[in-house]
Amino acid sequence: MEDTTLQIIEPPTASEASEEQTPEEPIKSDQINGVMVLTLLDKIIGAVDQIQLTQTQLEERQQEMDSAVTSIQGELTKLTKAHTTTSNTVNKMLEKVRKVSVNVKTVRQNLEKQAGQIKKLEANEAELLKRRNFKVMIYQLLRIKMQRFISLLFWTTRQTRDTRYYIKPATAIFKQGS
């Protein structure tokens, strides 16, 4: 930057002017004042030019800063939207995890109860086997025989419908005491 300080030049006094004057060129105070004004105007023009140049540079920087700020605001808006979306997704996932956790705890409790019941049943089964109590087997055999008998009875009933014979219901066959 140029030195833009203004210097005021005082017009020379009459005694100084008389000493410096040469007989060939008389210096008039109007000429001195004109030179001073031109010098001051030149310095003022230089200062104004420098100010205008600085002002232009500052305006360019301001525009760059404005565009950078606008870009940053846009990126922040995108980031905020992404953060909101991520936050909502995470909240949904956490809620699902909580539900799954509750379900897992419930299933675990049910499995523990069932394991206890199975242990009791195994103990009871072992006790029954020790006593050689086979009532369960007898019941299953009776049930199988009863199913065969009923299916045979229904088959016979279907066959007899074609020939117009009537067979008494199965309940009449099983009388108490026989």
Foldseek 3Di string as FASTA:
>chain_A
DDDLDQDDDDQDDPVVQVVPDDPVDRDDSVVVVVVSVVVNVVSVVVVVVVVVVVVVVVVVVVVVVVVVVVVVVVVVVVVVVVVVVVVVVVVVVVVVVVVVVVVVVVVVVVVVVVVVVVVVVVVVVVVCVVVVPDVVVVVVVVVVVVVVVVVVVVVVVVVVVVVVDDDDDPVVVDDPPD
